[in-house]
Amino acid sequence: MSAKHNTEGTESRPETLSFREKLTYGLGDIAHSVGPGTILPFWYLFFLTDVARLRPDLAGLTILIGGIWDAVNDPLIGLLSDRTRSRWGRRRPFLLFGALPYGVTFMLMWLVPPIDSQILISLYYAGIYILFDTVMTAVSCPYYALTPELTLDHDERTSLTSYRMFISIVAGLAAALGFALVLDAAPSEQAAFRTMGFAAGGLFVGTILIAFFGTRERVGFQVETPPSALQSLRFVFQNRDWWYTLGMRIMSWIPVDVASAVFAYFLIYWIRMKPMEASLVQAALLASAALSMPVVLWMTRRWEKKTAFIVSIGSWAIVMVGLLLVPQGAKGLVYPIAALVGPGVAAAHALPTAMSADTLDVDELNSGQRQEGIYAGFEVFVRKLSTKLVLAAIGPVLAWSGYVEQAATQTPETLTVIRLLIAVVPAVILLGAIVVAWRYPLTRERHRTIQKTLAARRAVTADPRFSGKEIT
């Protein structure tokens, strides 16, 4: 990184990051936010049912199968990254060696094999999903574990996270616009999804490598002896502050997953848009979220982070309920509503992550260790599991409601179910997120006190982890 240090490594490392450092780290999130964060929740269930022509119940089961493996691989990768020792550090080797498999497996998810059997097609996509999911975990867990290590400052972590999320939202916006153009120009939907998969996969390889070359790790974090796996788990379960941030993360992202999964069906069958127009609405929503990110960051500096979260998420819940009032075929109302959702989506992206990074200082206070990897493993696991459970549940619900793949119109019962899924279910869950945030105990003042205690402890022990030395 840009911090200068003497040959003894005794100079204190600045905690204010440069624009270049924030930019290169943020670019690494494009793969996670555009792939599993934007494209998969919004389009994958629709791709399986209406392009690959899988029955909705089998499509949901296909996605759920990968969730079983998630219960093992996410915490395992987190523990492994905490214990990795290499010339590149603990986290960055996973970025270096995982970039190419990440892109290739994503490409394979959007191919339609020449298979007639519904069971065989389901097994094909389940297998590819598991491969992609494994590689994604191996890259994303160490990547997210870098956030609290790059800076120890309370507000600078929020700034770093806001940069990362702004970049990821803008990338999602560009992906939505680009996919709309591909849908409009491609000879078929199957060709459009295949083109998108190959273009996005290639982009992911490049941006992950940029994050590898553009970040540095603290050399002392690799010197210390990590706790045993059981000790790590014990400290995680005892970190009450972190569990609150995990609750906020879950309850603000499940609505994103639900709305994303149902959004294409709502726009195509209730608003009567073409798939290309639906992608443009997604782009409008992401544009609003990107423009709202500086406002969310301003609120976190003026108020407590949890207050900014409550205000943003509350406004989002109100807008979601308002979707019930949108009449059928009202294309003109969809874009303003997408714009109003922006601040809530921005807060869901940035604030639980920034607050989680602060709670890792609580863990260090109690354990005397820095173990960001195990926390990132649990967070990625919960994030991916929520997406899979939502997609797996919506498939059977659509089948139960009488949904017919690629039909010109759907039954009134199916349309009612789609409207309830996109409006009422997210709003109820968002109210739960507000309740959890209201009870979040780690204030800015308490965090500063913890930081002073940790600084005094490091000064007494001459802790080398916080010297200016870095792994390049």
Protein backbone atom coordinates (compact mmCIF):
# COMPACT_ATOMS: atom_id res chain seq x y z
CA MET A 1 0.00 0.00 0.00
CA SER A 2 1.06 3.62 -0.12
CA ALA A 3 2.11 3.90 3.52
CA LYS A 4 5.86 4.52 3.99
CA HIS A 5 7.86 2.80 6.69
CA ASN A 6 11.45 2.59 7.91
CA THR A 7 13.60 -0.51 7.64
CA GLU A 8 12.86 -1.58 11.18
CA GLY A 9 9.10 -1.40 10.55
CA THR A 10 8.57 0.68 13.67
CA GLU A 11 6.73 3.54 12.04
CA SER A 12 3.00 3.43 12.66
CA ARG A 13 0.90 2.59 9.61
CA PRO A 14 -1.58 5.33 8.60
CA GLU A 15 -5.18 4.17 8.84
CA THR A 16 -6.49 6.64 6.24
CA LEU A 17 -6.47 4.90 2.88
CA SER A 18 -5.71 6.58 -0.43
CA PHE A 19 -8.17 6.77 -3.30
CA ARG A 20 -6.10 4.23 -5.25
CA GLU A 21 -6.18 1.75 -2.39
CA LYS A 22 -9.95 2.04 -2.03
CA LEU A 23 -10.43 1.82 -5.80
CA THR A 24 -8.32 -1.29 -6.39
CA TYR A 25 -9.86 -3.07 -3.43
CA GLY A 26 -13.37 -2.05 -4.49
CA LEU A 27 -12.87 -3.34 -8.04
CA GLY A 28 -12.39 -6.82 -6.60
CA ASP A 29 -16.01 -6.86 -5.47
CA ILE A 30 -17.35 -6.61 -9.03
CA ALA A 31 -17.25 -10.39 -9.43
CA HIS A 32 -19.19 -11.05 -6.22
CA SER A 33 -21.71 -8.24 -6.56
CA VAL A 34 -22.44 -8.57 -10.27
CA GLY A 35 -22.43 -12.39 -10.38
CA PRO A 36 -23.98 -13.87 -7.20
CA GLY A 37 -25.14 -10.44 -6.01
CA THR A 38 -27.03 -9.14 -9.06
CA ILE A 39 -27.25 -11.46 -12.06
CA LEU A 40 -27.91 -14.74 -10.24
CA PRO A 41 -30.70 -13.52 -7.91
CA PHE A 42 -32.42 -11.53 -10.66
CA TRP A 43 -32.11 -13.86 -13.64
CA TYR A 44 -31.05 -17.41 -12.71
CA LEU A 45 -34.41 -18.80 -11.66
CA PHE A 46 -36.00 -17.23 -14.75
CA PHE A 47 -33.16 -18.67 -16.89
CA LEU A 48 -33.75 -22.16 -15.53
CA THR A 49 -37.53 -22.07 -16.00
CA ASP A 50 -37.97 -20.06 -19.21
CA VAL A 51 -34.69 -20.62 -21.10
CA ALA A 52 -33.40 -24.03 -19.97
CA ARG A 53 -37.07 -25.08 -19.65
CA LEU A 54 -36.78 -26.73 -16.22
CA ARG A 55 -39.98 -27.18 -14.22
CA PRO A 56 -40.19 -24.53 -11.47
CA ASP A 57 -40.09 -27.10 -8.66
CA LEU A 58 -36.99 -28.80 -10.13
CA ALA A 59 -35.36 -25.42 -10.71
CA GLY A 60 -35.80 -24.55 -7.04
CA LEU A 61 -34.45 -27.95 -5.97
CA THR A 62 -31.44 -27.54 -8.27
CA ILE A 63 -30.44 -24.33 -6.50
CA LEU A 64 -31.10 -25.71 -3.03
CA ILE A 65 -28.71 -28.64 -3.54
CA GLY A 66 -25.77 -26.24 -3.56
CA GLY A 67 -26.86 -24.87 -0.19
CA ILE A 68 -26.09 -28.19 1.50
CA TRP A 69 -22.42 -27.91 0.50
CA ASP A 70 -22.42 -24.30 1.67
CA ALA A 71 -22.90 -25.45 5.25
CA VAL A 72 -19.38 -26.88 5.09
CA ASN A 73 -17.30 -24.91 2.61
CA ASP A 74 -17.82 -21.32 3.82
CA PRO A 75 -16.67 -21.68 7.46
CA LEU A 76 -13.97 -24.10 6.27
CA ILE A 77 -12.49 -21.58 3.80
CA GLY A 78 -12.68 -18.88 6.50
CA LEU A 79 -10.71 -21.02 8.95
CA LEU A 80 -8.25 -21.96 6.21
CA SER A 81 -7.53 -18.36 5.24
CA ASP A 82 -6.87 -17.43 8.89
CA ARG A 83 -4.24 -20.18 8.95
CA THR A 84 -2.68 -19.64 5.51
CA ARG A 85 0.96 -18.55 5.50
CA SER A 86 2.51 -17.53 2.17
CA ARG A 87 4.70 -14.95 0.48
CA TRP A 88 1.49 -13.12 -0.57
CA GLY A 89 -0.14 -13.15 2.86
CA ARG A 90 -3.14 -14.98 4.26
CA ARG A 91 -5.95 -13.75 1.98
CA ARG A 92 -4.45 -12.71 -1.35
CA PRO A 93 -3.31 -16.17 -2.56
CA PHE A 94 -6.96 -17.18 -2.80
CA LEU A 95 -7.58 -14.24 -5.14
CA LEU A 96 -4.56 -15.09 -7.29
CA PHE A 97 -5.36 -18.77 -7.80
CA GLY A 98 -9.15 -18.49 -7.70
CA ALA A 99 -9.65 -15.80 -10.35
CA LEU A 100 -9.63 -18.02 -13.46
CA PRO A 101 -11.81 -20.85 -12.04
CA TYR A 102 -14.26 -18.20 -10.83
CA GLY A 103 -14.77 -16.85 -14.34
CA VAL A 104 -14.89 -20.24 -16.09
CA THR A 105 -17.45 -21.82 -13.77
CA PHE A 106 -19.68 -18.73 -14.05
CA MET A 107 -19.63 -19.07 -17.83
CA LEU A 108 -20.70 -22.72 -17.63
CA MET A 109 -23.80 -21.84 -15.60
CA TRP A 110 -25.43 -20.12 -18.57
CA LEU A 111 -25.02 -22.86 -21.19
CA VAL A 112 -28.02 -25.00 -22.13
CA PRO A 113 -26.91 -28.63 -22.65
CA PRO A 114 -28.51 -30.75 -25.42
CA ILE A 115 -30.37 -32.92 -22.90
CA ASP A 116 -34.07 -33.78 -22.96
CA SER A 117 -34.43 -35.35 -19.52
CA GLN A 118 -35.60 -32.93 -16.83
CA ILE A 119 -33.72 -34.90 -14.16
CA LEU A 120 -30.44 -34.88 -16.09
CA ILE A 121 -30.71 -31.17 -16.83
CA SER A 122 -31.38 -30.53 -13.16
CA LEU A 123 -28.31 -32.60 -12.18
CA TYR A 124 -26.16 -30.73 -14.71
CA TYR A 125 -27.04 -27.32 -13.31
CA ALA A 126 -26.78 -28.55 -9.72
CA GLY A 127 -23.25 -29.81 -10.40
CA ILE A 128 -22.15 -26.59 -12.13
CA TYR A 129 -23.72 -24.52 -9.36
CA ILE A 130 -21.77 -26.45 -6.73
CA LEU A 131 -18.50 -25.94 -8.64
CA PHE A 132 -19.10 -22.22 -9.03
CA ASP A 133 -20.22 -21.88 -5.44
CA THR A 134 -17.06 -23.57 -4.16
CA VAL A 135 -14.76 -21.31 -6.18
CA MET A 136 -16.79 -18.25 -5.26
CA THR A 137 -16.40 -19.10 -1.57
CA ALA A 138 -12.65 -19.61 -1.95
CA VAL A 139 -12.32 -16.09 -3.38
CA SER A 140 -15.00 -14.10 -1.57
CA CYS A 141 -14.28 -15.18 2.02
CA PRO A 142 -10.62 -14.06 1.99
CA TYR A 143 -11.55 -10.95 0.01
CA TYR A 144 -14.12 -9.81 2.56
CA ALA A 145 -11.72 -10.68 5.40
CA LEU A 146 -9.38 -7.97 4.08
CA THR A 147 -11.81 -5.14 4.94
CA PRO A 148 -11.12 -4.83 8.70
CA GLU A 149 -7.39 -5.44 8.10
CA LEU A 150 -6.83 -2.67 5.55
CA THR A 151 -7.77 -0.01 8.11
CA LEU A 152 -8.55 -0.09 11.83
CA ASP A 153 -10.34 3.27 11.89
CA HIS A 154 -14.11 3.30 12.64
CA ASP A 155 -15.14 5.85 9.99
CA GLU A 156 -12.49 4.89 7.44
CA ARG A 157 -13.92 1.36 7.36
CA THR A 158 -17.31 2.83 6.48
CA SER A 159 -15.65 4.89 3.75
CA LEU A 160 -13.80 1.84 2.38
CA THR A 161 -16.99 -0.21 2.39
CA SER A 162 -18.92 2.63 0.73
CA TYR A 163 -16.31 2.85 -2.04
CA ARG A 164 -16.53 -0.91 -2.56
CA MET A 165 -20.31 -0.92 -2.61
CA PHE A 166 -20.52 2.13 -4.90
CA ILE A 167 -18.25 0.37 -7.39
CA SER A 168 -20.24 -2.86 -7.12
CA ILE A 169 -23.58 -1.10 -7.63
CA VAL A 170 -22.27 0.88 -10.63
CA ALA A 171 -20.91 -2.37 -12.06
CA GLY A 172 -24.32 -3.98 -11.54
CA LEU A 173 -25.90 -0.99 -13.30
CA ALA A 174 -23.52 -1.39 -16.25
CA ALA A 175 -24.23 -5.13 -16.34
CA ALA A 176 -27.99 -4.53 -16.40
CA LEU A 177 -27.69 -1.99 -19.22
CA GLY A 178 -25.29 -4.20 -21.14
CA PHE A 179 -27.52 -7.23 -20.75
CA ALA A 180 -30.50 -5.22 -21.98
CA LEU A 181 -28.56 -4.45 -25.17
CA VAL A 182 -27.56 -8.10 -25.52
CA LEU A 183 -31.16 -9.25 -25.07
CA ASP A 184 -32.27 -6.79 -27.73
CA ALA A 185 -29.58 -7.79 -30.25
CA ALA A 186 -29.19 -11.55 -29.69
CA PRO A 187 -31.07 -13.94 -32.00
CA SER A 188 -32.54 -15.78 -29.00
CA GLU A 189 -32.74 -15.57 -25.21
CA GLN A 190 -30.50 -18.63 -25.00
CA ALA A 191 -27.82 -16.86 -27.04
CA ALA A 192 -28.22 -13.71 -24.95
CA PHE A 193 -27.66 -15.53 -21.65
CA ARG A 194 -24.68 -17.41 -23.10
CA THR A 195 -23.09 -14.14 -24.28
CA MET A 196 -23.69 -12.50 -20.92
CA GLY A 197 -22.12 -15.45 -19.08
CA PHE A 198 -18.94 -15.38 -21.15
CA ALA A 199 -18.55 -11.59 -21.00
CA ALA A 200 -19.15 -11.42 -17.25
CA GLY A 201 -16.89 -14.40 -16.53
CA GLY A 202 -13.98 -12.78 -18.36
CA LEU A 203 -14.56 -9.51 -16.50
CA PHE A 204 -14.55 -11.29 -13.15
CA VAL A 205 -11.12 -12.82 -13.77
CA GLY A 206 -9.60 -9.40 -14.46
CA THR A 207 -11.12 -7.52 -11.54
CA ILE A 208 -10.19 -10.21 -8.98
CA LEU A 209 -6.58 -10.02 -10.17
CA ILE A 210 -6.65 -6.21 -9.87
CA ALA A 211 -7.64 -6.61 -6.22
CA PHE A 212 -4.78 -9.07 -5.71
CA PHE A 213 -2.15 -6.73 -7.13
CA GLY A 214 -3.64 -3.57 -5.60
CA THR A 215 -3.89 -4.65 -1.94
CA ARG A 216 -1.34 -5.42 0.77
CA GLU A 217 -1.61 -7.31 4.04
CA ARG A 218 -0.15 -6.54 7.47
CA VAL A 219 2.91 -8.73 7.89
CA GLY A 220 2.35 -9.25 11.61
CA PHE A 221 -1.08 -10.78 11.13
CA GLN A 222 0.66 -13.69 9.44
CA VAL A 223 3.31 -14.00 12.16
CA GLU A 224 0.93 -14.68 15.04
CA THR A 225 -0.14 -18.21 15.92
CA PRO A 226 -3.88 -18.64 15.20
CA PRO A 227 -6.21 -20.16 17.80
CA SER A 228 -7.52 -23.67 17.32
CA ALA A 229 -10.63 -24.17 15.20
CA LEU A 230 -12.75 -24.82 18.29
CA GLN A 231 -11.41 -21.69 19.99
CA SER A 232 -12.18 -19.64 16.89
CA LEU A 233 -15.75 -20.91 16.83
CA ARG A 234 -16.15 -20.24 20.56
CA PHE A 235 -15.07 -16.62 20.19
CA VAL A 236 -17.41 -16.16 17.21
CA PHE A 237 -20.40 -17.47 19.14
CA GLN A 238 -19.53 -15.23 22.11
CA ASN A 239 -19.30 -12.04 20.03
CA ARG A 240 -22.78 -10.69 20.71
CA ASP A 241 -22.21 -7.45 18.79
CA TRP A 242 -21.33 -9.36 15.61
CA TRP A 243 -24.51 -11.44 15.80
CA TYR A 244 -26.55 -8.25 15.62
CA THR A 245 -24.77 -7.23 12.40
CA LEU A 246 -25.36 -10.71 11.01
CA GLY A 247 -29.07 -10.36 11.76
CA MET A 248 -29.15 -6.99 9.98
CA ARG A 249 -27.29 -8.50 7.04
CA ILE A 250 -29.71 -11.42 6.71
CA MET A 251 -32.90 -9.39 7.13
CA SER A 252 -31.85 -6.67 4.72
CA TRP A 253 -30.56 -9.06 2.04
CA ILE A 254 -33.37 -11.60 1.99
CA PRO A 255 -35.74 -8.85 0.73
CA VAL A 256 -33.18 -8.09 -1.98
CA ASP A 257 -33.12 -11.77 -2.92
CA VAL A 258 -36.91 -12.14 -2.86
CA ALA A 259 -37.52 -8.97 -4.87
CA SER A 260 -34.73 -9.84 -7.33
CA ALA A 261 -36.01 -13.37 -7.91
CA VAL A 262 -39.60 -12.23 -8.46
CA PHE A 263 -38.81 -8.92 -10.17
CA ALA A 264 -38.49 -10.37 -13.68
CA TYR A 265 -41.78 -12.25 -13.31
CA PHE A 266 -43.51 -9.14 -11.88
CA LEU A 267 -42.29 -6.86 -14.65
CA ILE A 268 -42.92 -9.31 -17.49
CA TYR A 269 -46.30 -10.68 -16.43
CA TRP A 270 -47.86 -7.87 -14.33
CA ILE A 271 -46.31 -4.72 -15.81
CA ARG A 272 -46.17 -6.43 -19.24
CA MET A 273 -42.59 -5.52 -20.08
CA LYS A 274 -40.20 -7.37 -22.33
CA PRO A 275 -37.08 -8.96 -20.73
CA MET A 276 -34.98 -6.15 -22.21
CA GLU A 277 -37.19 -3.54 -20.52
CA ALA A 278 -37.00 -5.46 -17.23
CA SER A 279 -33.21 -5.25 -17.38
CA LEU A 280 -33.48 -1.46 -17.85
CA VAL A 281 -35.64 -1.19 -14.72
CA GLN A 282 -32.99 -3.14 -12.82
CA ALA A 283 -30.44 -0.65 -14.13
CA ALA A 284 -32.57 2.28 -12.90
CA LEU A 285 -32.77 0.74 -9.42
CA LEU A 286 -29.01 0.22 -9.27
CA ALA A 287 -28.39 3.76 -10.54
CA SER A 288 -30.50 5.13 -7.71
CA ALA A 289 -28.60 2.96 -5.20
CA ALA A 290 -25.26 4.21 -6.50
CA LEU A 291 -26.35 7.85 -6.32
CA SER A 292 -27.69 7.25 -2.80
CA MET A 293 -24.41 5.84 -1.47
CA PRO A 294 -22.85 9.26 -0.68
CA VAL A 295 -26.05 10.19 1.18
CA VAL A 296 -25.87 7.00 3.25
CA LEU A 297 -22.20 7.68 4.00
CA TRP A 298 -23.08 11.25 5.07
CA MET A 299 -25.74 9.91 7.43
CA THR A 300 -23.26 7.50 9.04
CA ARG A 301 -20.88 10.39 9.80
CA ARG A 302 -23.66 12.60 11.16
CA TRP A 303 -25.53 9.88 13.11
CA GLU A 304 -24.79 6.44 14.47
CA LYS A 305 -24.49 3.79 11.76
CA LYS A 306 -27.54 1.96 13.07
CA THR A 307 -29.64 5.16 12.84
CA ALA A 308 -28.68 5.61 9.19
CA PHE A 309 -29.59 1.97 8.59
CA ILE A 310 -33.01 2.28 10.26
CA VAL A 311 -33.95 5.41 8.30
CA SER A 312 -32.89 3.95 4.95
CA ILE A 313 -34.42 0.53 5.48
CA GLY A 314 -37.67 2.02 6.81
CA SER A 315 -38.15 4.09 3.66
CA TRP A 316 -37.49 1.00 1.56
CA ALA A 317 -40.15 -1.04 3.40
CA ILE A 318 -42.76 1.65 2.74
CA VAL A 319 -41.97 1.67 -0.98
CA MET A 320 -42.24 -2.12 -1.22
CA VAL A 321 -45.73 -2.10 0.27
CA GLY A 322 -46.64 0.58 -2.25
CA LEU A 323 -46.05 -1.90 -5.08
CA LEU A 324 -49.45 -3.39 -4.27
CA LEU A 325 -51.03 -0.16 -5.53
CA VAL A 326 -49.36 -0.32 -8.95
CA PRO A 327 -52.03 -1.24 -11.53
CA GLN A 328 -51.42 -3.85 -14.19
CA GLY A 329 -49.52 -2.55 -17.21
CA ALA A 330 -48.44 0.71 -15.51
CA LYS A 331 -44.96 0.93 -17.02
CA GLY A 332 -44.62 4.62 -16.20
CA LEU A 333 -44.76 4.03 -12.43
CA VAL A 334 -42.05 1.40 -12.29
CA TYR A 335 -39.05 3.70 -12.83
CA PRO A 336 -39.93 6.22 -10.05
CA ILE A 337 -40.50 3.31 -7.66
CA ALA A 338 -37.12 1.84 -8.60
CA ALA A 339 -35.53 5.21 -7.81
CA LEU A 340 -37.18 5.36 -4.38
CA VAL A 341 -35.82 1.92 -3.49
CA GLY A 342 -32.24 3.12 -4.04
CA PRO A 343 -31.34 4.44 -0.55
CA GLY A 344 -32.51 1.25 1.15
CA VAL A 345 -30.57 -0.97 -1.25
CA ALA A 346 -27.47 1.20 -0.74
CA ALA A 347 -27.77 0.88 3.05
CA ALA A 348 -28.26 -2.89 2.81
CA HIS A 349 -25.08 -3.12 0.74
CA ALA A 350 -22.81 -0.97 2.90
CA LEU A 351 -23.85 -0.65 6.53
CA PRO A 352 -24.03 -4.23 7.90
CA THR A 353 -20.59 -4.86 6.36
CA ALA A 354 -19.06 -1.73 7.89
CA MET A 355 -20.62 -2.46 11.28
CA SER A 356 -19.42 -6.07 11.16
CA ALA A 357 -15.83 -4.88 10.67
CA ASP A 358 -16.11 -2.84 13.89
CA THR A 359 -17.28 -5.86 15.88
CA LEU A 360 -14.07 -7.73 15.03
CA ASP A 361 -12.27 -5.32 17.35
CA VAL A 362 -14.55 -6.64 20.08
CA ASP A 363 -13.33 -10.12 19.20
CA GLU A 364 -9.69 -9.01 19.44
CA LEU A 365 -10.41 -7.43 22.81
CA ASN A 366 -11.72 -10.77 24.08
CA SER A 367 -9.51 -13.26 22.23
CA GLY A 368 -6.29 -11.31 21.63
CA GLN A 369 -6.38 -12.52 17.98
CA ARG A 370 -7.30 -11.15 14.56
CA GLN A 371 -9.42 -13.83 12.84
CA GLU A 372 -11.30 -12.06 10.10
CA GLY A 373 -11.45 -15.19 7.94
CA ILE A 374 -13.78 -17.24 10.14
CA TYR A 375 -16.18 -14.31 10.43
CA ALA A 376 -16.12 -13.75 6.67
CA GLY A 377 -16.79 -17.46 6.19
CA PHE A 378 -19.93 -17.34 8.29
CA GLU A 379 -21.10 -14.12 6.64
CA VAL A 380 -20.64 -15.47 3.12
CA PHE A 381 -22.35 -18.72 4.14
CA VAL A 382 -25.40 -16.91 5.51
CA ARG A 383 -25.52 -14.60 2.51
CA LYS A 384 -25.41 -17.42 -0.03
CA LEU A 385 -27.72 -19.67 1.95
CA SER A 386 -30.38 -16.95 2.12
CA THR A 387 -30.19 -16.55 -1.67
CA LYS A 388 -30.50 -20.27 -2.27
CA LEU A 389 -33.36 -20.72 0.18
CA VAL A 390 -35.26 -17.84 -1.42
CA LEU A 391 -34.75 -19.14 -4.96
CA ALA A 392 -35.49 -22.71 -3.90
CA ALA A 393 -38.72 -21.65 -2.15
CA ILE A 394 -40.01 -19.37 -4.90
CA GLY A 395 -39.80 -22.09 -7.56
CA PRO A 396 -42.26 -24.44 -5.81
CA VAL A 397 -44.49 -21.49 -4.82
CA LEU A 398 -44.76 -20.46 -8.47
CA ALA A 399 -45.48 -24.05 -9.46
CA TRP A 400 -48.19 -24.28 -6.76
CA SER A 401 -49.78 -21.05 -8.01
CA GLY A 402 -50.13 -22.51 -11.51
CA TYR A 403 -47.26 -20.72 -13.23
CA VAL A 404 -46.71 -21.74 -16.88
CA GLU A 405 -43.26 -21.25 -18.45
CA GLN A 406 -43.14 -18.75 -21.34
CA ALA A 407 -46.91 -18.28 -21.32
CA ALA A 408 -48.32 -15.10 -22.84
CA THR A 409 -50.32 -14.48 -19.66
CA GLN A 410 -50.57 -16.03 -16.21
CA THR A 411 -53.66 -16.89 -14.15
CA PRO A 412 -55.05 -14.32 -11.65
CA GLU A 413 -53.92 -16.62 -8.81
CA THR A 414 -50.34 -16.66 -10.10
CA LEU A 415 -50.29 -12.89 -10.54
CA THR A 416 -51.56 -12.39 -6.98
CA VAL A 417 -48.82 -14.64 -5.61
CA ILE A 418 -46.17 -12.75 -7.59
CA ARG A 419 -47.41 -9.39 -6.25
CA LEU A 420 -47.46 -10.63 -2.64
CA LEU A 421 -43.96 -12.04 -2.99
CA ILE A 422 -42.49 -8.81 -4.29
CA ALA A 423 -44.36 -6.40 -2.00
CA VAL A 424 -45.50 -7.86 1.31
CA VAL A 425 -42.83 -10.48 2.06
CA PRO A 426 -39.84 -8.09 1.70
CA ALA A 427 -41.56 -5.36 3.73
CA VAL A 428 -42.24 -7.70 6.67
CA ILE A 429 -38.64 -8.93 6.73
CA LEU A 430 -37.31 -5.36 6.53
CA LEU A 431 -39.28 -4.50 9.65
CA GLY A 432 -37.41 -7.33 11.38
CA ALA A 433 -34.11 -5.79 10.26
CA ILE A 434 -35.14 -2.47 11.82
CA VAL A 435 -35.90 -4.17 15.16
CA VAL A 436 -32.48 -5.86 15.19
CA ALA A 437 -30.69 -2.61 14.29
CA TRP A 438 -32.52 -0.74 17.05
CA ARG A 439 -30.98 -3.11 19.61
CA TYR A 440 -27.44 -3.01 18.16
CA PRO A 441 -25.17 -2.11 21.12
CA LEU A 442 -21.85 -0.99 19.55
CA THR A 443 -21.94 2.82 19.39
CA ARG A 444 -19.23 5.04 17.95
CA GLU A 445 -18.18 6.12 21.45
CA ARG A 446 -17.94 2.55 22.73
CA HIS A 447 -15.91 1.53 19.69
CA ARG A 448 -13.46 4.39 20.29
CA THR A 449 -13.02 3.20 23.87
CA ILE A 450 -12.29 -0.33 22.61
CA GLN A 451 -9.79 1.05 20.11
CA LYS A 452 -7.98 3.00 22.84
CA THR A 453 -7.79 -0.13 24.99
CA LEU A 454 -6.39 -2.15 22.10
CA ALA A 455 -3.89 0.60 21.24
CA ALA A 456 -2.65 0.66 24.84
CA ARG A 457 -2.32 -3.12 24.84
CA ARG A 458 -0.33 -3.07 21.60
CA ALA A 459 1.95 -0.33 22.92
CA VAL A 460 2.76 -2.35 26.06
CA THR A 461 3.44 -5.57 24.16
CA ALA A 462 5.10 -3.84 21.16
CA ASP A 463 2.71 -5.80 18.97
CA PRO A 464 4.38 -6.16 15.52
CA ARG A 465 1.05 -6.65 13.77
CA PHE A 466 0.46 -2.91 13.70
CA SER A 467 3.84 -1.81 12.40
CA GLY A 468 4.31 -0.27 8.97
CA LYS A 469 5.52 -3.50 7.40
CA GLU A 470 3.32 -5.01 4.74
CA ILE A 471 3.25 -8.14 2.59
CA THR A 472 3.63 -7.32 -1.08
